[in-house]
Each structure stands twice: as C-alpha cells, then as structure tokens.
Amino acid sequence: MSPRSTIRHTSSMNDLPTVSDRIAMASDPASSESGFVAVLRYVGTMEHFDRLLTGLVETRDLTYFAVVVGIFLVLTKTSVESVRWR
C-alpha cells in the first residue's frame, strides 16, 4: 500500500497529512508527485483555502494567508516608492 492511498480527505484534524508526511510521500519513488510538485502544492493557496471551505479553521492556514498578504503589501509599498523616485 502506498502512502498516498492512506491519506483520507476528512475534516478531522488528526487525519490531515503533516509536513513530514508530505516529505515522505515526495521522497517515495512509488508516489506520483515529485518533491518539487509537492512543495508547490503546499505553497499554493488552493490547499489552504480548501481546508477553510470545509470549515476546518487552523492557525497554520490563517498564518499562511497573513504572511501572503504581508508579502504582497511589502511588494506594493516597494513598487510605489520606486515610482516616486523616478
């Protein structure tokens, strides 16, 4: 049985795969996802948003969105300030 088949999509917090589970799945040669794809999937917003849609509100998802908003605010501020000096 591959590690991929043991992951169930439920709203229980104990059934969600952890980061170490994802790393193990990415390093498993039988896994269909490469390590790069697994990292992109974890960094992407869809996985975090799907958990919020199911009603599972976790601190790590809220922190993820707060960090993303903060990064884009800093980028916007930098962009606006660079235009002022031209």
Protein backbone atom coordinates (compact mmCIF):
# COMPACT_ATOMS: atom_id res chain seq x y z
CA MET A 1 0.00 0.00 0.00
CA SER A 2 1.46 3.35 -0.97
CA PRO A 3 1.47 6.31 1.46
CA ARG A 4 -0.71 8.19 -0.99
CA SER A 5 -3.58 5.75 -0.62
CA THR A 6 -3.62 6.11 3.17
CA ILE A 7 -4.50 9.80 3.07
CA ARG A 8 -8.20 10.43 3.53
CA HIS A 9 -9.88 13.76 2.91
CA THR A 10 -11.91 14.39 6.04
CA SER A 11 -12.44 17.34 8.27
CA SER A 12 -10.74 15.69 11.24
CA MET A 13 -7.51 17.40 12.23
CA ASN A 14 -5.79 14.07 13.00
CA ASP A 15 -6.43 12.72 9.51
CA LEU A 16 -4.74 15.59 7.66
CA PRO A 17 -1.26 14.87 6.35
CA THR A 18 1.53 16.69 8.12
CA VAL A 19 4.56 18.27 6.51
CA SER A 20 6.65 15.22 7.39
CA ASP A 21 4.03 13.00 5.69
CA ARG A 22 4.28 15.15 2.59
CA ILE A 23 8.06 14.94 2.57
CA ALA A 24 7.87 11.17 2.94
CA MET A 25 5.39 10.98 0.07
CA ALA A 26 7.57 13.21 -2.10
CA SER A 27 10.64 11.08 -1.47
CA ASP A 28 8.76 7.83 -2.14
CA PRO A 29 9.58 6.58 -5.66
CA ALA A 30 6.13 4.99 -5.91
CA SER A 31 4.49 8.37 -5.37
CA SER A 32 3.14 10.08 -8.46
CA GLU A 33 4.21 13.54 -7.24
CA SER A 34 7.79 14.71 -7.35
CA GLY A 35 9.26 16.68 -4.45
CA PHE A 36 9.03 19.90 -6.44
CA VAL A 37 5.34 19.37 -7.16
CA ALA A 38 4.66 18.57 -3.50
CA VAL A 39 6.39 21.79 -2.41
CA LEU A 40 4.45 23.83 -4.98
CA ARG A 41 1.21 22.27 -3.82
CA TYR A 42 2.00 23.12 -0.17
CA VAL A 43 3.00 26.70 -1.01
CA GLY A 44 -0.06 27.22 -3.22
CA THR A 45 -3.20 28.81 -1.85
CA MET A 46 -5.68 26.16 -3.01
CA GLU A 47 -4.79 23.57 -0.38
CA HIS A 48 -5.10 26.09 2.45
CA PHE A 49 -8.31 27.54 1.01
CA ASP A 50 -9.91 24.09 0.59
CA ARG A 51 -9.44 23.38 4.29
CA LEU A 52 -11.11 26.69 5.17
CA LEU A 53 -14.02 25.87 2.85
CA THR A 54 -14.64 22.59 4.66
CA GLY A 55 -14.94 24.52 7.92
CA LEU A 56 -11.58 23.49 9.29
CA VAL A 57 -10.00 26.70 10.57
CA GLU A 58 -6.41 26.10 11.59
CA THR A 59 -3.83 28.56 12.79
CA ARG A 60 -1.35 27.45 10.12
CA ASP A 61 -3.80 28.31 7.33
CA LEU A 62 -4.59 31.70 8.85
CA THR A 63 -0.89 32.35 9.33
CA TYR A 64 -0.23 31.35 5.72
CA PHE A 65 -2.76 33.89 4.42
CA ALA A 66 -1.48 36.61 6.79
CA VAL A 67 2.09 36.04 5.54
CA VAL A 68 0.96 36.11 1.88
CA VAL A 69 -0.93 39.37 2.45
CA GLY A 70 2.10 40.83 4.26
CA ILE A 71 4.46 39.87 1.44
CA PHE A 72 2.25 41.50 -1.17
CA LEU A 73 1.82 44.64 0.95
CA VAL A 74 5.60 44.99 1.22
CA LEU A 75 5.98 44.42 -2.54
CA THR A 76 3.31 47.03 -3.25
CA LYS A 77 4.95 49.55 -0.91
CA THR A 78 8.32 48.94 -2.57
CA SER A 79 6.80 49.35 -6.02
CA VAL A 80 5.05 52.62 -5.11
CA GLU A 81 8.19 54.04 -3.51
CA SER A 82 10.32 53.16 -6.53
CA VAL A 83 7.91 55.00 -8.84
CA ARG A 84 8.11 58.14 -6.65
CA TRP A 85 11.88 58.38 -7.10
CA ARG A 86 11.82 58.19 -10.90
